[in-house]
Amino acid sequence: MKLTDFEQYLTPYLLEKGYDYFTGGMVTSLRETDGGTWLAEVTGSAAYQVRIQLTAGRITGAICNCPHKVEHCKHIVAAIYAVRTAVNA
């Protein structure tokens, strides 16, 4: 999925939760490392580590260490919003 339009691929509920975390300042750190990898810390009931992999403007991987065993959690969505903001800054 493209970073520019990832909202098309996720549920409204998940987007709302992730956006609330993003706008609420729950993404407490964000940095880009080698090869398009972005590392974020997203605070919820604990501090969770999120890794987003970007390749040519596409999200090619996303992982979070939270206990939710789903493909995309609200922490990942919050981090994606933060990455998109940082890329477009």
PDB file of N, CA and C in Angstrom:
ATOM      1  N   MET A   1       0.838  -1.169   0.000  1.00  0.00           N
ATOM      2  CA  MET A   1       0.000   0.000   0.000  1.00  0.00           C
ATOM      3  C   MET A   1       0.888   1.240   0.000  1.00  0.00           C
ATOM      4  N   LYS A   2       0.424   2.273  -0.669  1.00  0.00           N
ATOM      5  CA  LYS A   2       1.190   3.515  -0.764  1.00  0.00           C
ATOM      6  C   LYS A   2       1.071   4.312   0.534  1.00  0.00           C
ATOM      7  N   LEU A   3       2.146   4.980   0.872  1.00  0.00           N
ATOM      8  CA  LEU A   3       2.136   5.852   2.051  1.00  0.00           C
ATOM      9  C   LEU A   3       1.125   6.985   1.871  1.00  0.00           C
ATOM     10  N   THR A   4       0.956   7.453   0.650  1.00  0.00           N
ATOM     11  CA  THR A   4       0.085   8.594   0.390  1.00  0.00           C
ATOM     12  C   THR A   4      -1.397   8.275   0.536  1.00  0.00           C
ATOM     13  N   ASP A   5      -1.788   7.012   0.394  1.00  0.00           N
ATOM     14  CA  ASP A   5      -3.212   6.675   0.441  1.00  0.00           C
ATOM     15  C   ASP A   5      -3.514   5.405   1.246  1.00  0.00           C
ATOM     16  N   PHE A   6      -2.713   5.153   2.264  1.00  0.00           N
ATOM     17  CA  PHE A   6      -2.879   3.926   3.034  1.00  0.00           C
ATOM     18  C   PHE A   6      -4.257   3.806   3.668  1.00  0.00           C
ATOM     19  N   GLU A   7      -4.935   4.932   3.869  1.00  0.00           N
ATOM     20  CA  GLU A   7      -6.261   4.916   4.503  1.00  0.00           C
ATOM     21  C   GLU A   7      -7.262   4.062   3.720  1.00  0.00           C
ATOM     22  N   GLN A   8      -7.070   3.924   2.427  1.00  0.00           N
ATOM     23  CA  GLN A   8      -7.975   3.136   1.588  1.00  0.00           C
ATOM     24  C   GLN A   8      -7.998   1.659   1.975  1.00  0.00           C
ATOM     25  N   TYR A   9      -6.970   1.197   2.647  1.00  0.00           N
ATOM     26  CA  TYR A   9      -6.798  -0.228   2.897  1.00  0.00           C
ATOM     27  C   TYR A   9      -7.112  -0.661   4.328  1.00  0.00           C
ATOM     28  N   LEU A  10      -7.464   0.285   5.171  1.00  0.00           N
ATOM     29  CA  LEU A  10      -7.690  -0.030   6.585  1.00  0.00           C
ATOM     30  C   LEU A  10      -9.107   0.359   6.994  1.00  0.00           C
ATOM     31  N   THR A  11      -9.590  -0.229   8.067  1.00  0.00           N
ATOM     32  CA  THR A  11     -10.958   0.029   8.513  1.00  0.00           C
ATOM     33  C   THR A  11     -11.070   1.428   9.127  1.00  0.00           C
ATOM     34  N   PRO A  12     -12.242   2.036   9.034  1.00  0.00           N
ATOM     35  CA  PRO A  12     -12.439   3.353   9.653  1.00  0.00           C
ATOM     36  C   PRO A  12     -12.140   3.343  11.148  1.00  0.00           C
ATOM     37  N   TYR A  13     -12.510   2.282  11.845  1.00  0.00           N
ATOM     38  CA  TYR A  13     -12.257   2.191  13.291  1.00  0.00           C
ATOM     39  C   TYR A  13     -10.759   2.240  13.575  1.00  0.00           C
ATOM     40  N   LEU A  14      -9.989   1.443  12.842  1.00  0.00           N
ATOM     41  CA  LEU A  14      -8.548   1.403  13.050  1.00  0.00           C
ATOM     42  C   LEU A  14      -7.910   2.744  12.692  1.00  0.00           C
ATOM     43  N   LEU A  15      -8.361   3.348  11.615  1.00  0.00           N
ATOM     44  CA  LEU A  15      -7.844   4.664  11.233  1.00  0.00           C
ATOM     45  C   LEU A  15      -8.126   5.703  12.308  1.00  0.00           C
ATOM     46  N   GLU A  16      -9.332   5.678  12.858  1.00  0.00           N
ATOM     47  CA  GLU A  16      -9.691   6.639  13.900  1.00  0.00           C
ATOM     48  C   GLU A  16      -8.821   6.467  15.137  1.00  0.00           C
ATOM     49  N   LYS A  17      -8.653   5.219  15.581  1.00  0.00           N
ATOM     50  CA  LYS A  17      -7.825   4.965  16.766  1.00  0.00           C
ATOM     51  C   LYS A  17      -6.381   5.392  16.530  1.00  0.00           C
ATOM     52  N   GLY A  18      -5.825   5.009  15.385  1.00  0.00           N
ATOM     53  CA  GLY A  18      -4.448   5.378  15.071  1.00  0.00           C
ATOM     54  C   GLY A  18      -4.263   6.879  14.943  1.00  0.00           C
ATOM     55  N   TYR A  19      -5.227   7.543  14.304  1.00  0.00           N
ATOM     56  CA  TYR A  19      -5.144   8.996  14.154  1.00  0.00           C
ATOM     57  C   TYR A  19      -5.235   9.688  15.513  1.00  0.00           C
ATOM     58  N   ASP A  20      -6.108   9.185  16.382  1.00  0.00           N
ATOM     59  CA  ASP A  20      -6.210   9.744  17.730  1.00  0.00           C
ATOM     60  C   ASP A  20      -4.879   9.622  18.471  1.00  0.00           C
ATOM     61  N   TYR A  21      -4.209   8.484  18.330  1.00  0.00           N
ATOM     62  CA  TYR A  21      -2.899   8.309  18.958  1.00  0.00           C
ATOM     63  C   TYR A  21      -1.892   9.287  18.365  1.00  0.00           C
ATOM     64  N   PHE A  22      -1.915   9.425  17.041  1.00  0.00           N
ATOM     65  CA  PHE A  22      -0.986  10.337  16.372  1.00  0.00           C
ATOM     66  C   PHE A  22      -1.218  11.781  16.806  1.00  0.00           C
ATOM     67  N   THR A  23      -2.442  12.257  16.707  1.00  0.00           N
ATOM     68  CA  THR A  23      -2.726  13.654  17.048  1.00  0.00           C
ATOM     69  C   THR A  23      -2.644  13.912  18.546  1.00  0.00           C
ATOM     70  N   GLY A  24      -2.773  12.855  19.347  1.00  0.00           N
ATOM     71  CA  GLY A  24      -2.673  12.994  20.793  1.00  0.00           C
ATOM     72  C   GLY A  24      -1.245  12.956  21.309  1.00  0.00           C
ATOM     73  N   GLY A  25      -0.279  12.899  20.394  1.00  0.00           N
ATOM     74  CA  GLY A  25       1.128  12.914  20.807  1.00  0.00           C
ATOM     75  C   GLY A  25       1.640  11.595  21.351  1.00  0.00           C
ATOM     76  N   MET A  26       0.987  10.513  21.000  1.00  0.00           N
ATOM     77  CA  MET A  26       1.388   9.207  21.519  1.00  0.00           C
ATOM     78  C   MET A  26       2.590   8.614  20.768  1.00  0.00           C
ATOM     79  N   VAL A  27       2.919   9.172  19.606  1.00  0.00           N
ATOM     80  CA  VAL A  27       4.148   8.766  18.906  1.00  0.00           C
ATOM     81  C   VAL A  27       5.258   9.595  19.526  1.00  0.00           C
ATOM     82  N   THR A  28       5.975   8.988  20.465  1.00  0.00           N
ATOM     83  CA  THR A  28       6.926   9.744  21.284  1.00  0.00           C
ATOM     84  C   THR A  28       8.320   9.827  20.681  1.00  0.00           C
ATOM     85  N   SER A  29       8.615   8.981  19.704  1.00  0.00           N
ATOM     86  CA  SER A  29       9.877   9.118  18.986  1.00  0.00           C
ATOM     87  C   SER A  29       9.705   8.532  17.594  1.00  0.00           C
ATOM     88  N   LEU A  30      10.463   9.085  16.659  1.00  0.00           N
ATOM     89  CA  LEU A  30      10.424   8.629  15.272  1.00  0.00           C
ATOM     90  C   LEU A  30      11.758   8.949  14.642  1.00  0.00           C
ATOM     91  N   ARG A  31      12.336   7.950  13.981  1.00  0.00           N
ATOM     92  CA  ARG A  31      13.591   8.203  13.276  1.00  0.00           C
ATOM     93  C   ARG A  31      13.718   7.249  12.098  1.00  0.00           C
ATOM     94  N   GLU A  32      14.374   7.740  11.068  1.00  0.00           N
ATOM     95  CA  GLU A  32      14.627   6.913   9.892  1.00  0.00           C
ATOM     96  C   GLU A  32      16.017   6.315  10.004  1.00  0.00           C
ATOM     97  N   THR A  33      16.126   5.058   9.693  1.00  0.00           N
ATOM     98  CA  THR A  33      17.426   4.388   9.678  1.00  0.00           C
ATOM     99  C   THR A  33      17.758   4.057   8.225  1.00  0.00           C
ATOM    100  N   ASP A  34      18.684   3.173   8.030  1.00  0.00           N
ATOM    101  CA  ASP A  34      19.115   2.799   6.682  1.00  0.00           C
ATOM    102  C   ASP A  34      17.990   2.153   5.881  1.00  0.00           C
ATOM    103  N   GLY A  35      18.027   2.354   4.585  1.00  0.00           N
ATOM    104  CA  GLY A  35      17.180   1.616   3.667  1.00  0.00           C
ATOM    105  C   GLY A  35      15.687   1.826   3.789  1.00  0.00           C
ATOM    106  N   GLY A  36      15.242   3.006   4.229  1.00  0.00           N
ATOM    107  CA  GLY A  36      13.819   3.277   4.296  1.00  0.00           C
ATOM    108  C   GLY A  36      13.106   2.694   5.497  1.00  0.00           C
ATOM    109  N   THR A  37      13.847   2.280   6.492  1.00  0.00           N
ATOM    110  CA  THR A  37      13.246   1.757   7.712  1.00  0.00           C
ATOM    111  C   THR A  37      13.019   2.901   8.693  1.00  0.00           C
ATOM    112  N   TRP A  38      11.797   2.973   9.220  1.00  0.00           N
ATOM    113  CA  TRP A  38      11.442   3.978  10.223  1.00  0.00           C
ATOM    114  C   TRP A  38      11.147   3.266  11.532  1.00  0.00           C
ATOM    115  N   LEU A  39      11.708   3.774  12.617  1.00  0.00           N
ATOM    116  CA  LEU A  39      11.478   3.230  13.951  1.00  0.00           C
ATOM    117  C   LEU A  39      10.721   4.261  14.778  1.00  0.00           C
ATOM    118  N   ALA A  40       9.682   3.792  15.429  1.00  0.00           N
ATOM    119  CA  ALA A  40       8.858   4.686  16.247  1.00  0.00           C
ATOM    120  C   ALA A  40       8.580   4.038  17.588  1.00  0.00           C
ATOM    121  N   GLU A  41       8.364   4.876  18.582  1.00  0.00           N
ATOM    122  CA  GLU A  41       7.850   4.419  19.863  1.00  0.00           C
ATOM    123  C   GLU A  41       6.472   5.060  20.014  1.00  0.00           C
ATOM    124  N   VAL A  42       5.491   4.223  20.280  1.00  0.00           N
ATOM    125  CA  VAL A  42       4.118   4.691  20.435  1.00  0.00           C
ATOM    126  C   VAL A  42       3.650   4.278  21.824  1.00  0.00           C
ATOM    127  N   THR A  43       3.225   5.256  22.606  1.00  0.00           N
ATOM    128  CA  THR A  43       2.803   4.995  23.969  1.00  0.00           C
ATOM    129  C   THR A  43       1.307   4.711  24.004  1.00  0.00           C
ATOM    130  N   GLY A  44       0.963   3.615  24.627  1.00  0.00           N
ATOM    131  CA  GLY A  44      -0.432   3.247  24.870  1.00  0.00           C
ATOM    132  C   GLY A  44      -0.510   2.843  26.324  1.00  0.00           C
ATOM    133  N   SER A  45      -0.959   1.630  26.584  1.00  0.00           N
ATOM    134  CA  SER A  45      -0.924   1.135  27.959  1.00  0.00           C
ATOM    135  C   SER A  45       0.516   0.838  28.372  1.00  0.00           C
ATOM    136  N   ALA A  46       1.405   0.789  27.378  1.00  0.00           N
ATOM    137  CA  ALA A  46       2.848   0.650  27.577  1.00  0.00           C
ATOM    138  C   ALA A  46       3.512   1.343  26.386  1.00  0.00           C
ATOM    139  N   ALA A  47       4.824   1.360  26.367  1.00  0.00           N
ATOM    140  CA  ALA A  47       5.555   1.920  25.230  1.00  0.00           C
ATOM    141  C   ALA A  47       5.832   0.786  24.252  1.00  0.00           C
ATOM    142  N   TYR A  48       5.322   0.931  23.022  1.00  0.00           N
ATOM    143  CA  TYR A  48       5.463  -0.113  22.012  1.00  0.00           C
ATOM    144  C   TYR A  48       6.410   0.354  20.916  1.00  0.00           C
ATOM    145  N   GLN A  49       7.185  -0.579  20.420  1.00  0.00           N
ATOM    146  CA  GLN A  49       8.144  -0.305  19.355  1.00  0.00           C
ATOM    147  C   GLN A  49       7.522  -0.710  18.025  1.00  0.00           C
ATOM    148  N   VAL A  50       7.558   0.212  17.067  1.00  0.00           N
ATOM    149  CA  VAL A  50       6.981  -0.009  15.745  1.00  0.00           C
ATOM    150  C   VAL A  50       8.078   0.178  14.705  1.00  0.00           C
ATOM    151  N   ARG A  51       8.070  -0.711  13.721  1.00  0.00           N
ATOM    152  CA  ARG A  51       9.001  -0.581  12.593  1.00  0.00           C
ATOM    153  C   ARG A  51       8.181  -0.542  11.307  1.00  0.00           C
ATOM    154  N   ILE A  52       8.413   0.476  10.496  1.00  0.00           N
ATOM    155  CA  ILE A  52       7.752   0.640   9.207  1.00  0.00           C
ATOM    156  C   ILE A  52       8.833   0.593   8.131  1.00  0.00           C
ATOM    157  N   GLN A  53       8.632  -0.234   7.125  1.00  0.00           N
ATOM    158  CA  GLN A  53       9.567  -0.308   6.003  1.00  0.00           C
ATOM    159  C   GLN A  53       8.934   0.341   4.778  1.00  0.00           C
ATOM    160  N   LEU A  54       9.631   1.327   4.220  1.00  0.00           N
ATOM    161  CA  LEU A  54       9.180   2.011   3.004  1.00  0.00           C
ATOM    162  C   LEU A  54      10.116   1.680   1.857  1.00  0.00           C
ATOM    163  N   THR A  55       9.518   1.371   0.715  1.00  0.00           N
ATOM    164  CA  THR A  55      10.281   1.140  -0.502  1.00  0.00           C
ATOM    165  C   THR A  55       9.579   1.888  -1.625  1.00  0.00           C
ATOM    166  N   ALA A  56      10.236   2.877  -2.188  1.00  0.00           N
ATOM    167  CA  ALA A  56       9.688   3.670  -3.286  1.00  0.00           C
ATOM    168  C   ALA A  56       8.288   4.201  -2.970  1.00  0.00           C
ATOM    169  N   GLY A  57       8.115   4.724  -1.759  1.00  0.00           N
ATOM    170  CA  GLY A  57       6.848   5.329  -1.363  1.00  0.00           C
ATOM    171  C   GLY A  57       5.753   4.346  -0.982  1.00  0.00           C
ATOM    172  N   ARG A  58       6.089   3.083  -0.920  1.00  0.00           N
ATOM    173  CA  ARG A  58       5.121   2.050  -0.533  1.00  0.00           C
ATOM    174  C   ARG A  58       5.501   1.466   0.821  1.00  0.00           C
ATOM    175  N   ILE A  59       4.489   1.164   1.619  1.00  0.00           N
ATOM    176  CA  ILE A  59       4.717   0.489   2.898  1.00  0.00           C
ATOM    177  C   ILE A  59       4.848  -0.998   2.588  1.00  0.00           C
ATOM    178  N   THR A  60       6.059  -1.509   2.738  1.00  0.00           N
ATOM    179  CA  THR A  60       6.319  -2.905   2.395  1.00  0.00           C
ATOM    180  C   THR A  60       6.435  -3.799   3.627  1.00  0.00           C
ATOM    181  N   GLY A  61       6.373  -3.197   4.792  1.00  0.00           N
ATOM    182  CA  GLY A  61       6.408  -3.958   6.028  1.00  0.00           C
ATOM    183  C   GLY A  61       6.068  -3.082   7.206  1.00  0.00           C
ATOM    184  N   ALA A  62       5.408  -3.677   8.188  1.00  0.00           N
ATOM    185  CA  ALA A  62       5.069  -2.962   9.419  1.00  0.00           C
ATOM    186  C   ALA A  62       4.927  -3.988  10.533  1.00  0.00           C
ATOM    187  N   ILE A  63       5.561  -3.685  11.649  1.00  0.00           N
ATOM    188  CA  ILE A  63       5.500  -4.601  12.788  1.00  0.00           C
ATOM    189  C   ILE A  63       5.483  -3.799  14.085  1.00  0.00           C
ATOM    190  N   CYS A  64       4.754  -4.314  15.065  1.00  0.00           N
ATOM    191  CA  CYS A  64       4.655  -3.698  16.387  1.00  0.00           C
ATOM    192  C   CYS A  64       4.813  -4.794  17.428  1.00  0.00           C
ATOM    193  N   ASN A  65       5.408  -4.455  18.544  1.00  0.00           N
ATOM    194  CA  ASN A  65       5.597  -5.461  19.588  1.00  0.00           C
ATOM    195  C   ASN A  65       4.471  -5.474  20.624  1.00  0.00           C
ATOM    196  N   CYS A  66       3.328  -4.864  20.293  1.00  0.00           N
ATOM    197  CA  CYS A  66       2.190  -4.896  21.216  1.00  0.00           C
ATOM    198  C   CYS A  66       1.582  -6.306  21.242  1.00  0.00           C
ATOM    199  N   PRO A  67       0.741  -6.585  22.217  1.00  0.00           N
ATOM    200  CA  PRO A  67       0.180  -7.932  22.332  1.00  0.00           C
ATOM    201  C   PRO A  67      -0.914  -8.252  21.311  1.00  0.00           C
ATOM    202  N   HIS A  68      -1.354  -7.275  20.537  1.00  0.00           N
ATOM    203  CA  HIS A  68      -2.393  -7.525  19.540  1.00  0.00           C
ATOM    204  C   HIS A  68      -1.773  -8.250  18.352  1.00  0.00           C
ATOM    205  N   LYS A  69      -2.235  -9.427  18.076  1.00  0.00           N
ATOM    206  CA  LYS A  69      -1.672 -10.236  16.982  1.00  0.00           C
ATOM    207  C   LYS A  69      -2.496 -10.030  15.720  1.00  0.00           C
ATOM    208  N   VAL A  70      -2.399  -8.823  15.162  1.00  0.00           N
ATOM    209  CA  VAL A  70      -3.109  -8.462  13.944  1.00  0.00           C
ATOM    210  C   VAL A  70      -2.099  -7.889  12.956  1.00  0.00           C
ATOM    211  N   GLU A  71      -2.499  -7.821  11.695  1.00  0.00           N
ATOM    212  CA  GLU A  71      -1.585  -7.294  10.684  1.00  0.00           C
ATOM    213  C   GLU A  71      -1.261  -5.824  10.911  1.00  0.00           C
ATOM    214  N   HIS A  72      -2.286  -5.045  11.263  1.00  0.00           N
ATOM    215  CA  HIS A  72      -2.097  -3.622  11.545  1.00  0.00           C
ATOM    216  C   HIS A  72      -2.841  -3.271  12.824  1.00  0.00           C
ATOM    217  N   CYS A  73      -2.145  -2.685  13.766  1.00  0.00           N
ATOM    218  CA  CYS A  73      -2.758  -2.241  15.016  1.00  0.00           C
ATOM    219  C   CYS A  73      -2.770  -0.713  15.035  1.00  0.00           C
ATOM    220  N   LYS A  74      -3.405  -0.150  16.044  1.00  0.00           N
ATOM    221  CA  LYS A  74      -3.487   1.318  16.133  1.00  0.00           C
ATOM    222  C   LYS A  74      -2.111   1.956  16.296  1.00  0.00           C
ATOM    223  N   HIS A  75      -1.168   1.242  16.886  1.00  0.00           N
ATOM    224  CA  HIS A  75       0.189   1.773  17.067  1.00  0.00           C
ATOM    225  C   HIS A  75       0.880   1.897  15.710  1.00  0.00           C
ATOM    226  N   ILE A  76       0.705   0.898  14.856  1.00  0.00           N
ATOM    227  CA  ILE A  76       1.270   0.954  13.505  1.00  0.00           C
ATOM    228  C   ILE A  76       0.637   2.097  12.726  1.00  0.00           C
ATOM    229  N   VAL A  77      -0.674   2.237  12.812  1.00  0.00           N
ATOM    230  CA  VAL A  77      -1.364   3.299  12.083  1.00  0.00           C
ATOM    231  C   VAL A  77      -0.879   4.672  12.558  1.00  0.00           C
ATOM    232  N   ALA A  78      -0.731   4.849  13.861  1.00  0.00           N
ATOM    233  CA  ALA A  78      -0.217   6.122  14.384  1.00  0.00           C
ATOM    234  C   ALA A  78       1.181   6.394  13.843  1.00  0.00           C
ATOM    235  N   ALA A  79       2.019   5.369  13.805  1.00  0.00           N
ATOM    236  CA  ALA A  79       3.380   5.521  13.285  1.00  0.00           C
ATOM    237  C   ALA A  79       3.362   5.848  11.798  1.00  0.00           C
ATOM    238  N   ILE A  80       2.447   5.239  11.042  1.00  0.00           N
ATOM    239  CA  ILE A  80       2.349   5.543   9.609  1.00  0.00           C
ATOM    240  C   ILE A  80       1.974   7.005   9.402  1.00  0.00           C
ATOM    241  N   TYR A  81       1.021   7.503  10.173  1.00  0.00           N
ATOM    242  CA  TYR A  81       0.683   8.930  10.085  1.00  0.00           C
ATOM    243  C   TYR A  81       1.918   9.788  10.373  1.00  0.00           C
ATOM    244  N   ALA A  82       2.693   9.417  11.383  1.00  0.00           N
ATOM    245  CA  ALA A  82       3.894  10.186  11.740  1.00  0.00           C
ATOM    246  C   ALA A  82       4.933  10.129  10.635  1.00  0.00           C
ATOM    247  N   VAL A  83       5.123   8.960  10.041  1.00  0.00           N
ATOM    248  CA  VAL A  83       6.088   8.827   8.948  1.00  0.00           C
ATOM    249  C   VAL A  83       5.650   9.682   7.760  1.00  0.00           C
ATOM    250  N   ARG A  84       4.372   9.614   7.407  1.00  0.00           N
ATOM    251  CA  ARG A  84       3.892  10.408   6.279  1.00  0.00           C
ATOM    252  C   ARG A  84       4.102  11.899   6.544  1.00  0.00           C
ATOM    253  N   THR A  85       3.856  12.348   7.757  1.00  0.00           N
ATOM    254  CA  THR A  85       4.075  13.744   8.110  1.00  0.00           C
ATOM    255  C   THR A  85       5.560  14.109   7.979  1.00  0.00           C
ATOM    256  N   ALA A  86       6.434  13.235   8.453  1.00  0.00           N
ATOM    257  CA  ALA A  86       7.868  13.492   8.396  1.00  0.00           C
ATOM    258  C   ALA A  86       8.377  13.511   6.952  1.00  0.00           C
ATOM    259  N   VAL A  87       7.880  12.611   6.129  1.00  0.00           N
ATOM    260  CA  VAL A  87       8.310  12.538   4.728  1.00  0.00           C
ATOM    261  C   VAL A  87       7.858  13.775   3.960  1.00  0.00           C
ATOM    262  N   ASN A  88       6.679  14.273   4.290  1.00  0.00           N
ATOM    263  CA  ASN A  88       6.124  15.426   3.582  1.00  0.00           C
ATOM    264  C   ASN A  88       6.559  16.767   4.165  1.00  0.00           C
ATOM    265  N   ALA A  89       7.343  16.743   5.241  1.00  0.00           N
ATOM    266  CA  ALA A  89       7.765  17.994   5.895  1.00  0.00           C
ATOM    267  C   ALA A  89       8.816  18.720   5.083  1.00  0.00           C
TER     268      ALA A  89
END
